[in-house]
PDB file of all heavy atoms in Angstrom:
ATOM      1  N   SER A   1       9.529   3.092   2.138  1.00  0.00           N
ATOM      2  CA  SER A   1       9.543   1.669   1.772  1.00  0.00           C
ATOM      3  C   SER A   1       8.773   1.415   0.490  1.00  0.00           C
ATOM      4  O   SER A   1       9.028   0.435  -0.215  1.00  0.00           O
ATOM      5  CB  SER A   1       8.959   0.832   2.913  1.00  0.00           C
ATOM      6  OG  SER A   1       9.709   0.977   4.093  1.00  0.00           O
ATOM      7  N   MET A   2       7.805   2.282   0.197  1.00  0.00           N
ATOM      8  CA  MET A   2       7.024   2.120  -1.022  1.00  0.00           C
ATOM      9  C   MET A   2       7.904   2.200  -2.269  1.00  0.00           C
ATOM     10  O   MET A   2       7.559   1.642  -3.314  1.00  0.00           O
ATOM     11  CB  MET A   2       5.932   3.187  -1.082  1.00  0.00           C
ATOM     12  CG  MET A   2       4.723   2.914  -0.211  1.00  0.00           C
ATOM     13  SD  MET A   2       3.821   1.415  -0.685  1.00  0.00           S
ATOM     14  CE  MET A   2       3.270   1.868  -2.337  1.00  0.00           C
ATOM     15  N   VAL A   3       9.024   2.890  -2.161  1.00  0.00           N
ATOM     16  CA  VAL A   3       9.964   2.956  -3.288  1.00  0.00           C
ATOM     17  C   VAL A   3      10.450   1.559  -3.641  1.00  0.00           C
ATOM     18  O   VAL A   3      10.468   1.153  -4.816  1.00  0.00           O
ATOM     19  CB  VAL A   3      11.165   3.869  -2.948  1.00  0.00           C
ATOM     20  CG1 VAL A   3      12.184   3.860  -4.087  1.00  0.00           C
ATOM     21  CG2 VAL A   3      10.687   5.287  -2.665  1.00  0.00           C
ATOM     22  N   ALA A   4      10.825   0.789  -2.599  1.00  0.00           N
ATOM     23  CA  ALA A   4      11.281  -0.584  -2.811  1.00  0.00           C
ATOM     24  C   ALA A   4      10.129  -1.452  -3.333  1.00  0.00           C
ATOM     25  O   ALA A   4      10.334  -2.308  -4.197  1.00  0.00           O
ATOM     26  CB  ALA A   4      11.829  -1.154  -1.500  1.00  0.00           C
ATOM     27  N   TYR A   5       8.947  -1.210  -2.816  1.00  0.00           N
ATOM     28  CA  TYR A   5       7.785  -2.006  -3.211  1.00  0.00           C
ATOM     29  C   TYR A   5       7.465  -1.809  -4.686  1.00  0.00           C
ATOM     30  O   TYR A   5       7.241  -2.775  -5.425  1.00  0.00           O
ATOM     31  CB  TYR A   5       6.586  -1.603  -2.344  1.00  0.00           C
ATOM     32  CG  TYR A   5       5.366  -2.466  -2.520  1.00  0.00           C
ATOM     33  CD1 TYR A   5       5.418  -3.833  -2.266  1.00  0.00           C
ATOM     34  CD2 TYR A   5       4.151  -1.908  -2.931  1.00  0.00           C
ATOM     35  CE1 TYR A   5       4.284  -4.622  -2.411  1.00  0.00           C
ATOM     36  CE2 TYR A   5       3.025  -2.693  -3.079  1.00  0.00           C
ATOM     37  CZ  TYR A   5       3.100  -4.046  -2.812  1.00  0.00           C
ATOM     38  OH  TYR A   5       1.985  -4.826  -2.963  1.00  0.00           O
ATOM     39  N   ILE A   6       7.444  -0.563  -5.123  1.00  0.00           N
ATOM     40  CA  ILE A   6       7.163  -0.264  -6.533  1.00  0.00           C
ATOM     41  C   ILE A   6       8.242  -0.876  -7.430  1.00  0.00           C
ATOM     42  O   ILE A   6       7.958  -1.416  -8.508  1.00  0.00           O
ATOM     43  CB  ILE A   6       7.072   1.268  -6.739  1.00  0.00           C
ATOM     44  CG1 ILE A   6       5.836   1.816  -6.009  1.00  0.00           C
ATOM     45  CG2 ILE A   6       6.997   1.606  -8.225  1.00  0.00           C
ATOM     46  CD1 ILE A   6       5.762   3.324  -5.978  1.00  0.00           C
ATOM     47  N   LEU A   7       9.487  -0.797  -6.976  1.00  0.00           N
ATOM     48  CA  LEU A   7      10.592  -1.376  -7.732  1.00  0.00           C
ATOM     49  C   LEU A   7      10.386  -2.884  -7.920  1.00  0.00           C
ATOM     50  O   LEU A   7      10.579  -3.421  -9.019  1.00  0.00           O
ATOM     51  CB  LEU A   7      11.910  -1.110  -7.011  1.00  0.00           C
ATOM     52  CG  LEU A   7      13.168  -1.757  -7.613  1.00  0.00           C
ATOM     53  CD1 LEU A   7      13.421  -1.205  -9.009  1.00  0.00           C
ATOM     54  CD2 LEU A   7      14.378  -1.506  -6.715  1.00  0.00           C
ATOM     55  N   MET A   8       9.956  -3.570  -6.854  1.00  0.00           N
ATOM     56  CA  MET A   8       9.745  -5.013  -6.941  1.00  0.00           C
ATOM     57  C   MET A   8       8.550  -5.356  -7.824  1.00  0.00           C
ATOM     58  O   MET A   8       8.554  -6.392  -8.509  1.00  0.00           O
ATOM     59  CB  MET A   8       9.555  -5.591  -5.536  1.00  0.00           C
ATOM     60  CG  MET A   8      10.768  -5.447  -4.631  1.00  0.00           C
ATOM     61  SD  MET A   8      12.306  -6.045  -5.381  1.00  0.00           S
ATOM     62  CE  MET A   8      11.952  -7.797  -5.534  1.00  0.00           C
ATOM     63  N   LEU A   9       7.542  -4.510  -7.846  1.00  0.00           N
ATOM     64  CA  LEU A   9       6.412  -4.742  -8.749  1.00  0.00           C
ATOM     65  C   LEU A   9       6.872  -4.725 -10.209  1.00  0.00           C
ATOM     66  O   LEU A   9       6.408  -5.514 -11.044  1.00  0.00           O
ATOM     67  CB  LEU A   9       5.332  -3.686  -8.528  1.00  0.00           C
ATOM     68  CG  LEU A   9       4.555  -3.729  -7.216  1.00  0.00           C
ATOM     69  CD1 LEU A   9       3.594  -2.556  -7.128  1.00  0.00           C
ATOM     70  CD2 LEU A   9       3.786  -5.047  -7.070  1.00  0.00           C
ATOM     71  N   VAL A  10       7.801  -3.831 -10.501  1.00  0.00           N
ATOM     72  CA  VAL A  10       8.345  -3.727 -11.856  1.00  0.00           C
ATOM     73  C   VAL A  10       9.219  -4.937 -12.171  1.00  0.00           C
ATOM     74  O   VAL A  10       9.104  -5.554 -13.247  1.00  0.00           O
ATOM     75  CB  VAL A  10       9.166  -2.422 -12.020  1.00  0.00           C
ATOM     76  CG1 VAL A  10       9.851  -2.401 -13.384  1.00  0.00           C
ATOM     77  CG2 VAL A  10       8.262  -1.212 -11.853  1.00  0.00           C
ATOM     78  N   VAL A  11      10.083  -5.303 -11.238  1.00  0.00           N
ATOM     79  CA  VAL A  11      11.011  -6.416 -11.441  1.00  0.00           C
ATOM     80  C   VAL A  11      10.269  -7.730 -11.686  1.00  0.00           C
ATOM     81  O   VAL A  11      10.623  -8.505 -12.579  1.00  0.00           O
ATOM     82  CB  VAL A  11      11.962  -6.556 -10.230  1.00  0.00           C
ATOM     83  CG1 VAL A  11      12.753  -7.863 -10.313  1.00  0.00           C
ATOM     84  CG2 VAL A  11      12.907  -5.373 -10.145  1.00  0.00           C
ATOM     85  N   PHE A  12       9.196  -7.960 -10.908  1.00  0.00           N
ATOM     86  CA  PHE A  12       8.452  -9.222 -11.045  1.00  0.00           C
ATOM     87  C   PHE A  12       7.280  -9.115 -12.016  1.00  0.00           C
ATOM     88  O   PHE A  12       6.454 -10.007 -12.101  1.00  0.00           O
ATOM     89  CB  PHE A  12       7.958  -9.685  -9.668  1.00  0.00           C
ATOM     90  CG  PHE A  12       9.058 -10.233  -8.799  1.00  0.00           C
ATOM     91  CD1 PHE A  12       9.710  -9.410  -7.894  1.00  0.00           C
ATOM     92  CD2 PHE A  12       9.460 -11.555  -8.913  1.00  0.00           C
ATOM     93  CE1 PHE A  12      10.730  -9.904  -7.081  1.00  0.00           C
ATOM     94  CE2 PHE A  12      10.483 -12.061  -8.116  1.00  0.00           C
ATOM     95  CZ  PHE A  12      11.123 -11.233  -7.206  1.00  0.00           C
ATOM     96  N   ARG A  13       7.193  -7.980 -12.706  1.00  0.00           N
ATOM     97  CA  ARG A  13       6.223  -7.793 -13.786  1.00  0.00           C
ATOM     98  C   ARG A  13       4.783  -8.023 -13.319  1.00  0.00           C
ATOM     99  O   ARG A  13       4.002  -8.732 -13.980  1.00  0.00           O
ATOM    100  CB  ARG A  13       6.556  -8.699 -14.959  1.00  0.00           C
ATOM    101  CG  ARG A  13       7.915  -8.422 -15.567  1.00  0.00           C
ATOM    102  CD  ARG A  13       8.216  -9.350 -16.733  1.00  0.00           C
ATOM    103  NE  ARG A  13       9.523  -9.078 -17.305  1.00  0.00           N
ATOM    104  CZ  ARG A  13      10.052  -9.752 -18.321  1.00  0.00           C
ATOM    105  NH1 ARG A  13       9.344 -10.731 -18.902  1.00  0.00           N
ATOM    106  NH2 ARG A  13      11.257  -9.465 -18.777  1.00  0.00           N
ATOM    107  N   VAL A  14       4.468  -7.441 -12.190  1.00  0.00           N
ATOM    108  CA  VAL A  14       3.101  -7.507 -11.691  1.00  0.00           C
ATOM    109  C   VAL A  14       2.287  -6.423 -12.382  1.00  0.00           C
ATOM    110  O   VAL A  14       2.648  -5.243 -12.340  1.00  0.00           O
ATOM    111  CB  VAL A  14       3.056  -7.305 -10.157  1.00  0.00           C
ATOM    112  CG1 VAL A  14       1.613  -7.277  -9.674  1.00  0.00           C
ATOM    113  CG2 VAL A  14       3.826  -8.420  -9.467  1.00  0.00           C
ATOM    114  N   SER A  15       1.223  -6.811 -13.024  1.00  0.00           N
ATOM    115  CA  SER A  15       0.390  -5.851 -13.742  1.00  0.00           C
ATOM    116  C   SER A  15      -0.357  -4.965 -12.750  1.00  0.00           C
ATOM    117  O   SER A  15      -1.153  -5.468 -11.945  1.00  0.00           O
ATOM    118  CB  SER A  15      -0.615  -6.584 -14.632  1.00  0.00           C
ATOM    119  OG  SER A  15       0.051  -7.382 -15.588  1.00  0.00           O
ATOM    120  N   VAL A  16      -0.102  -3.686 -12.824  1.00  0.00           N
ATOM    121  CA  VAL A  16      -0.760  -2.727 -11.935  1.00  0.00           C
ATOM    122  C   VAL A  16      -1.934  -2.103 -12.692  1.00  0.00           C
ATOM    123  O   VAL A  16      -1.747  -1.491 -13.753  1.00  0.00           O
ATOM    124  CB  VAL A  16       0.224  -1.632 -11.477  1.00  0.00           C
ATOM    125  CG1 VAL A  16      -0.506  -0.604 -10.618  1.00  0.00           C
ATOM    126  CG2 VAL A  16       1.367  -2.259 -10.690  1.00  0.00           C
ATOM    127  N   THR A  17      -3.123  -2.262 -12.167  1.00  0.00           N
ATOM    128  CA  THR A  17      -4.324  -1.734 -12.816  1.00  0.00           C
ATOM    129  C   THR A  17      -4.937  -0.636 -11.950  1.00  0.00           C
ATOM    130  O   THR A  17      -4.408  -0.279 -10.898  1.00  0.00           O
ATOM    131  CB  THR A  17      -5.361  -2.856 -13.018  1.00  0.00           C
ATOM    132  OG1 THR A  17      -5.802  -3.332 -11.736  1.00  0.00           O
ATOM    133  CG2 THR A  17      -4.748  -4.014 -13.806  1.00  0.00           C
ATOM    134  N   TRP A  18      -6.077  -0.119 -12.395  1.00  0.00           N
ATOM    135  CA  TRP A  18      -6.713   0.988 -11.680  1.00  0.00           C
ATOM    136  C   TRP A  18      -7.218   0.570 -10.309  1.00  0.00           C
ATOM    137  O   TRP A  18      -7.530   1.411  -9.475  1.00  0.00           O
ATOM    138  CB  TRP A  18      -7.829   1.589 -12.517  1.00  0.00           C
ATOM    139  CG  TRP A  18      -8.955   0.633 -12.818  1.00  0.00           C
ATOM    140  CD1 TRP A  18      -8.985  -0.295 -13.813  1.00  0.00           C
ATOM    141  CD2 TRP A  18     -10.187   0.519 -12.107  1.00  0.00           C
ATOM    142  NE1 TRP A  18     -10.186  -0.987 -13.768  1.00  0.00           N
ATOM    143  CE2 TRP A  18     -10.946  -0.508 -12.738  1.00  0.00           C
ATOM    144  CE3 TRP A  18     -10.754   1.180 -11.032  1.00  0.00           C
ATOM    145  CZ2 TRP A  18     -12.206  -0.886 -12.314  1.00  0.00           C
ATOM    146  CZ3 TRP A  18     -12.029   0.808 -10.607  1.00  0.00           C
ATOM    147  CH2 TRP A  18     -12.730  -0.203 -11.229  1.00  0.00           C
ATOM    148  N   TYR A  19      -7.289  -0.733 -10.049  1.00  0.00           N
ATOM    149  CA  TYR A  19      -7.702  -1.204  -8.723  1.00  0.00           C
ATOM    150  C   TYR A  19      -6.742  -0.714  -7.637  1.00  0.00           C
ATOM    151  O   TYR A  19      -7.119  -0.572  -6.476  1.00  0.00           O
ATOM    152  CB  TYR A  19      -7.747  -2.733  -8.688  1.00  0.00           C
ATOM    153  CG  TYR A  19      -8.899  -3.337  -9.448  1.00  0.00           C
ATOM    154  CD1 TYR A  19      -8.724  -3.801 -10.751  1.00  0.00           C
ATOM    155  CD2 TYR A  19     -10.161  -3.454  -8.872  1.00  0.00           C
ATOM    156  CE1 TYR A  19      -9.783  -4.361 -11.464  1.00  0.00           C
ATOM    157  CE2 TYR A  19     -11.229  -4.009  -9.563  1.00  0.00           C
ATOM    158  CZ  TYR A  19     -11.030  -4.453 -10.864  1.00  0.00           C
ATOM    159  OH  TYR A  19     -12.086  -5.001 -11.556  1.00  0.00           O
ATOM    160  N   VAL A  20      -5.487  -0.478  -8.034  1.00  0.00           N
ATOM    161  CA  VAL A  20      -4.471  -0.064  -7.065  1.00  0.00           C
ATOM    162  C   VAL A  20      -4.790   1.302  -6.455  1.00  0.00           C
ATOM    163  O   VAL A  20      -4.235   1.670  -5.409  1.00  0.00           O
ATOM    164  CB  VAL A  20      -3.080  -0.049  -7.731  1.00  0.00           C
ATOM    165  CG1 VAL A  20      -2.897   1.213  -8.583  1.00  0.00           C
ATOM    166  CG2 VAL A  20      -1.973  -0.171  -6.701  1.00  0.00           C
ATOM    167  N   LEU A  21      -5.696   2.053  -7.077  1.00  0.00           N
ATOM    168  CA  LEU A  21      -6.090   3.346  -6.523  1.00  0.00           C
ATOM    169  C   LEU A  21      -6.790   3.194  -5.178  1.00  0.00           C
ATOM    170  O   LEU A  21      -6.907   4.157  -4.421  1.00  0.00           O
ATOM    171  CB  LEU A  21      -7.016   4.077  -7.510  1.00  0.00           C
ATOM    172  CG  LEU A  21      -6.392   4.469  -8.860  1.00  0.00           C
ATOM    173  CD1 LEU A  21      -7.444   5.095  -9.764  1.00  0.00           C
ATOM    174  CD2 LEU A  21      -5.222   5.428  -8.650  1.00  0.00           C
ATOM    175  N   TYR A  22      -7.242   1.977  -4.890  1.00  0.00           N
ATOM    176  CA  TYR A  22      -7.896   1.715  -3.602  1.00  0.00           C
ATOM    177  C   TYR A  22      -6.872   1.431  -2.494  1.00  0.00           C
ATOM    178  O   TYR A  22      -7.228   1.384  -1.329  1.00  0.00           O
ATOM    179  CB  TYR A  22      -8.843   0.526  -3.746  1.00  0.00           C
ATOM    180  CG  TYR A  22      -9.920   0.461  -2.669  1.00  0.00           C
ATOM    181  CD1 TYR A  22     -10.929   1.400  -2.616  1.00  0.00           C
ATOM    182  CD2 TYR A  22      -9.915  -0.564  -1.721  1.00  0.00           C
ATOM    183  CE1 TYR A  22     -11.921   1.341  -1.645  1.00  0.00           C
ATOM    184  CE2 TYR A  22     -10.891  -0.630  -0.740  1.00  0.00           C
ATOM    185  CZ  TYR A  22     -11.887   0.323  -0.706  1.00  0.00           C
ATOM    186  OH  TYR A  22     -12.854   0.278   0.256  1.00  0.00           O
ATOM    187  N   PHE A  23      -5.632   1.231  -2.881  1.00  0.00           N
ATOM    188  CA  PHE A  23      -4.572   0.907  -1.925  1.00  0.00           C
ATOM    189  C   PHE A  23      -4.426   1.973  -0.824  1.00  0.00           C
ATOM    190  O   PHE A  23      -4.305   1.623   0.357  1.00  0.00           O
ATOM    191  CB  PHE A  23      -3.249   0.723  -2.668  1.00  0.00           C
ATOM    192  CG  PHE A  23      -2.118   0.222  -1.805  1.00  0.00           C
ATOM    193  CD1 PHE A  23      -2.045  -1.113  -1.415  1.00  0.00           C
ATOM    194  CD2 PHE A  23      -1.115   1.086  -1.379  1.00  0.00           C
ATOM    195  CE1 PHE A  23      -1.003  -1.577  -0.630  1.00  0.00           C
ATOM    196  CE2 PHE A  23      -0.082   0.632  -0.591  1.00  0.00           C
ATOM    197  CZ  PHE A  23      -0.015  -0.696  -0.210  1.00  0.00           C
ATOM    198  N   PRO A  24      -4.437   3.284  -1.149  1.00  0.00           N
ATOM    199  CA  PRO A  24      -4.334   4.298  -0.089  1.00  0.00           C
ATOM    200  C   PRO A  24      -5.460   4.220   0.937  1.00  0.00           C
ATOM    201  O   PRO A  24      -5.261   4.560   2.099  1.00  0.00           O
ATOM    202  CB  PRO A  24      -4.382   5.623  -0.867  1.00  0.00           C
ATOM    203  CG  PRO A  24      -3.883   5.282  -2.225  1.00  0.00           C
ATOM    204  CD  PRO A  24      -4.402   3.900  -2.483  1.00  0.00           C
ATOM    205  N   VAL A  25      -6.658   3.789   0.513  1.00  0.00           N
ATOM    206  CA  VAL A  25      -7.772   3.643   1.451  1.00  0.00           C
ATOM    207  C   VAL A  25      -7.441   2.564   2.482  1.00  0.00           C
ATOM    208  O   VAL A  25      -7.672   2.737   3.686  1.00  0.00           O
ATOM    209  CB  VAL A  25      -9.074   3.280   0.702  1.00  0.00           C
ATOM    210  CG1 VAL A  25     -10.215   3.028   1.691  1.00  0.00           C
ATOM    211  CG2 VAL A  25      -9.438   4.379  -0.279  1.00  0.00           C
ATOM    212  N   ILE A  26      -6.874   1.457   2.015  1.00  0.00           N
ATOM    213  CA  ILE A  26      -6.486   0.369   2.906  1.00  0.00           C
ATOM    214  C   ILE A  26      -5.397   0.832   3.872  1.00  0.00           C
ATOM    215  O   ILE A  26      -5.444   0.543   5.075  1.00  0.00           O
ATOM    216  CB  ILE A  26      -6.013  -0.840   2.098  1.00  0.00           C
ATOM    217  CG1 ILE A  26      -7.141  -1.330   1.197  1.00  0.00           C
ATOM    218  CG2 ILE A  26      -5.498  -1.955   3.005  1.00  0.00           C
ATOM    219  CD1 ILE A  26      -6.707  -2.348   0.146  1.00  0.00           C
ATOM    220  N   VAL A  27      -4.444   1.577   3.359  1.00  0.00           N
ATOM    221  CA  VAL A  27      -3.363   2.097   4.200  1.00  0.00           C
ATOM    222  C   VAL A  27      -3.917   3.055   5.247  1.00  0.00           C
ATOM    223  O   VAL A  27      -3.497   3.035   6.420  1.00  0.00           O
ATOM    224  CB  VAL A  27      -2.302   2.820   3.331  1.00  0.00           C
ATOM    225  CG1 VAL A  27      -1.284   3.568   4.208  1.00  0.00           C
ATOM    226  CG2 VAL A  27      -1.576   1.816   2.440  1.00  0.00           C
ATOM    227  N   PHE A  28      -4.880   3.885   4.851  1.00  0.00           N
ATOM    228  CA  PHE A  28      -5.467   4.835   5.793  1.00  0.00           C
ATOM    229  C   PHE A  28      -6.102   4.125   6.986  1.00  0.00           C
ATOM    230  O   PHE A  28      -5.879   4.492   8.143  1.00  0.00           O
ATOM    231  CB  PHE A  28      -6.518   5.693   5.072  1.00  0.00           C
ATOM    232  CG  PHE A  28      -7.336   6.547   6.010  1.00  0.00           C
ATOM    233  CD1 PHE A  28      -6.817   7.719   6.554  1.00  0.00           C
ATOM    234  CD2 PHE A  28      -8.630   6.171   6.369  1.00  0.00           C
ATOM    235  CE1 PHE A  28      -7.563   8.501   7.438  1.00  0.00           C
ATOM    236  CE2 PHE A  28      -9.380   6.952   7.248  1.00  0.00           C
ATOM    237  CZ  PHE A  28      -8.839   8.114   7.785  1.00  0.00           C
ATOM    238  N   PHE A  29      -6.912   3.104   6.713  1.00  0.00           N
ATOM    239  CA  PHE A  29      -7.591   2.414   7.816  1.00  0.00           C
ATOM    240  C   PHE A  29      -6.623   1.559   8.633  1.00  0.00           C
ATOM    241  O   PHE A  29      -6.831   1.348   9.824  1.00  0.00           O
ATOM    242  CB  PHE A  29      -8.757   1.576   7.283  1.00  0.00           C
ATOM    243  CG  PHE A  29      -9.960   2.393   6.935  1.00  0.00           C
ATOM    244  CD1 PHE A  29     -10.326   2.620   5.615  1.00  0.00           C
ATOM    245  CD2 PHE A  29     -10.722   2.986   7.935  1.00  0.00           C
ATOM    246  CE1 PHE A  29     -11.427   3.396   5.287  1.00  0.00           C
ATOM    247  CE2 PHE A  29     -11.843   3.767   7.628  1.00  0.00           C
ATOM    248  CZ  PHE A  29     -12.184   3.973   6.300  1.00  0.00           C
ATOM    249  N   THR A  30      -5.564   1.078   7.977  1.00  0.00           N
ATOM    250  CA  THR A  30      -4.507   0.385   8.736  1.00  0.00           C
ATOM    251  C   THR A  30      -3.859   1.353   9.720  1.00  0.00           C
ATOM    252  O   THR A  30      -3.632   1.015  10.887  1.00  0.00           O
ATOM    253  CB  THR A  30      -3.439  -0.176   7.782  1.00  0.00           C
ATOM    254  OG1 THR A  30      -4.028  -1.049   6.822  1.00  0.00           O
ATOM    255  CG2 THR A  30      -2.358  -0.936   8.559  1.00  0.00           C
ATOM    256  N   LEU A  31      -3.555   2.543   9.246  1.00  0.00           N
ATOM    257  CA  LEU A  31      -2.926   3.549  10.092  1.00  0.00           C
ATOM    258  C   LEU A  31      -3.876   4.004  11.192  1.00  0.00           C
ATOM    259  O   LEU A  31      -3.456   4.245  12.335  1.00  0.00           O
ATOM    260  CB  LEU A  31      -2.498   4.744   9.240  1.00  0.00           C
ATOM    261  CG  LEU A  31      -1.602   5.795   9.925  1.00  0.00           C
ATOM    262  CD1 LEU A  31      -0.302   5.157  10.403  1.00  0.00           C
ATOM    263  CD2 LEU A  31      -1.302   6.945   8.976  1.00  0.00           C
ATOM    264  N   LEU A  32      -5.159   4.107  10.879  1.00  0.00           N
ATOM    265  CA  LEU A  32      -6.155   4.488  11.888  1.00  0.00           C
ATOM    266  C   LEU A  32      -6.225   3.426  12.990  1.00  0.00           C
ATOM    267  O   LEU A  32      -6.297   3.752  14.178  1.00  0.00           O
ATOM    268  CB  LEU A  32      -7.520   4.667  11.234  1.00  0.00           C
ATOM    269  CG  LEU A  32      -8.570   5.461  12.005  1.00  0.00           C
ATOM    270  CD1 LEU A  32      -8.127   6.906  12.184  1.00  0.00           C
ATOM    271  CD2 LEU A  32      -9.915   5.415  11.293  1.00  0.00           C
ATOM    272  N   PHE A  33      -6.204   2.167  12.579  1.00  0.00           N
ATOM    273  CA  PHE A  33      -6.199   1.060  13.537  1.00  0.00           C
ATOM    274  C   PHE A  33      -4.924   1.091  14.386  1.00  0.00           C
ATOM    275  O   PHE A  33      -4.974   0.885  15.603  1.00  0.00           O
ATOM    276  CB  PHE A  33      -6.308  -0.262  12.784  1.00  0.00           C
ATOM    277  CG  PHE A  33      -6.309  -1.476  13.674  1.00  0.00           C
ATOM    278  CD1 PHE A  33      -7.392  -1.771  14.500  1.00  0.00           C
ATOM    279  CD2 PHE A  33      -5.221  -2.339  13.693  1.00  0.00           C
ATOM    280  CE1 PHE A  33      -7.400  -2.882  15.314  1.00  0.00           C
ATOM    281  CE2 PHE A  33      -5.216  -3.466  14.502  1.00  0.00           C
ATOM    282  CZ  PHE A  33      -6.307  -3.736  15.322  1.00  0.00           C
ATOM    283  N   ALA A  34      -3.802   1.371  13.747  1.00  0.00           N
ATOM    284  CA  ALA A  34      -2.529   1.453  14.452  1.00  0.00           C
ATOM    285  C   ALA A  34      -2.521   2.602  15.452  1.00  0.00           C
ATOM    286  O   ALA A  34      -2.009   2.481  16.569  1.00  0.00           O
ATOM    287  CB  ALA A  34      -1.380   1.615  13.462  1.00  0.00           C
ATOM    288  N   LEU A  35      -3.098   3.722  15.059  1.00  0.00           N
ATOM    289  CA  LEU A  35      -3.131   4.901  15.933  1.00  0.00           C
ATOM    290  C   LEU A  35      -3.984   4.637  17.158  1.00  0.00           C
ATOM    291  O   LEU A  35      -3.608   4.995  18.285  1.00  0.00           O
ATOM    292  CB  LEU A  35      -3.668   6.105  15.155  1.00  0.00           C
ATOM    293  CG  LEU A  35      -3.616   7.468  15.856  1.00  0.00           C
ATOM    294  CD1 LEU A  35      -2.194   7.810  16.294  1.00  0.00           C
ATOM    295  CD2 LEU A  35      -4.157   8.554  14.927  1.00  0.00           C
ATOM    296  N   GLY A  36      -5.132   4.011  16.977  1.00  0.00           N
ATOM    297  CA  GLY A  36      -5.990   3.674  18.117  1.00  0.00           C
ATOM    298  C   GLY A  36      -5.279   2.719  19.075  1.00  0.00           C
ATOM    299  O   GLY A  36      -5.337   2.882  20.292  1.00  0.00           O
ATOM    300  N   THR A  37      -4.610   1.707  18.504  1.00  0.00           N
ATOM    301  CA  THR A  37      -3.837   0.769  19.323  1.00  0.00           C
ATOM    302  C   THR A  37      -2.723   1.485  20.061  1.00  0.00           C
ATOM    303  O   THR A  37      -2.437   1.195  21.227  1.00  0.00           O
ATOM    304  CB  THR A  37      -3.239  -0.347  18.432  1.00  0.00           C
ATOM    305  OG1 THR A  37      -4.282  -0.986  17.698  1.00  0.00           O
ATOM    306  CG2 THR A  37      -2.515  -1.376  19.275  1.00  0.00           C
ATOM    307  N   SER A  38      -2.104   2.444  19.382  1.00  0.00           N
ATOM    308  CA  SER A  38      -1.005   3.209  19.979  1.00  0.00           C
ATOM    309  C   SER A  38      -1.475   4.026  21.169  1.00  0.00           C
ATOM    310  O   SER A  38      -0.766   4.137  22.191  1.00  0.00           O
ATOM    311  CB  SER A  38      -0.373   4.133  18.929  1.00  0.00           C
ATOM    312  OG  SER A  38       0.181   3.392  17.869  1.00  0.00           O
ATOM    313  N   PHE A  39      -2.648   4.633  21.071  1.00  0.00           N
ATOM    314  CA  PHE A  39      -3.210   5.382  22.211  1.00  0.00           C
ATOM    315  C   PHE A  39      -3.338   4.479  23.441  1.00  0.00           C
ATOM    316  O   PHE A  39      -2.978   4.865  24.559  1.00  0.00           O
ATOM    317  CB  PHE A  39      -4.596   5.930  21.850  1.00  0.00           C
ATOM    318  CG  PHE A  39      -4.561   7.134  20.948  1.00  0.00           C
ATOM    319  CD1 PHE A  39      -5.524   7.296  19.950  1.00  0.00           C
ATOM    320  CD2 PHE A  39      -3.606   8.118  21.109  1.00  0.00           C
ATOM    321  CE1 PHE A  39      -5.516   8.409  19.129  1.00  0.00           C
ATOM    322  CE2 PHE A  39      -3.589   9.240  20.282  1.00  0.00           C
ATOM    323  CZ  PHE A  39      -4.538   9.387  19.292  1.00  0.00           C
TER     324      PHE A  39
END
């Protein structure tokens, strides 16, 4: 799905800066929360 997301960032001309490097950290803890809930 990230393929579609990146495509939309380009289409809507959203400026992507180095802050986006923190995005994987957010995804990691989201997934960790999801995994605990799943258990």
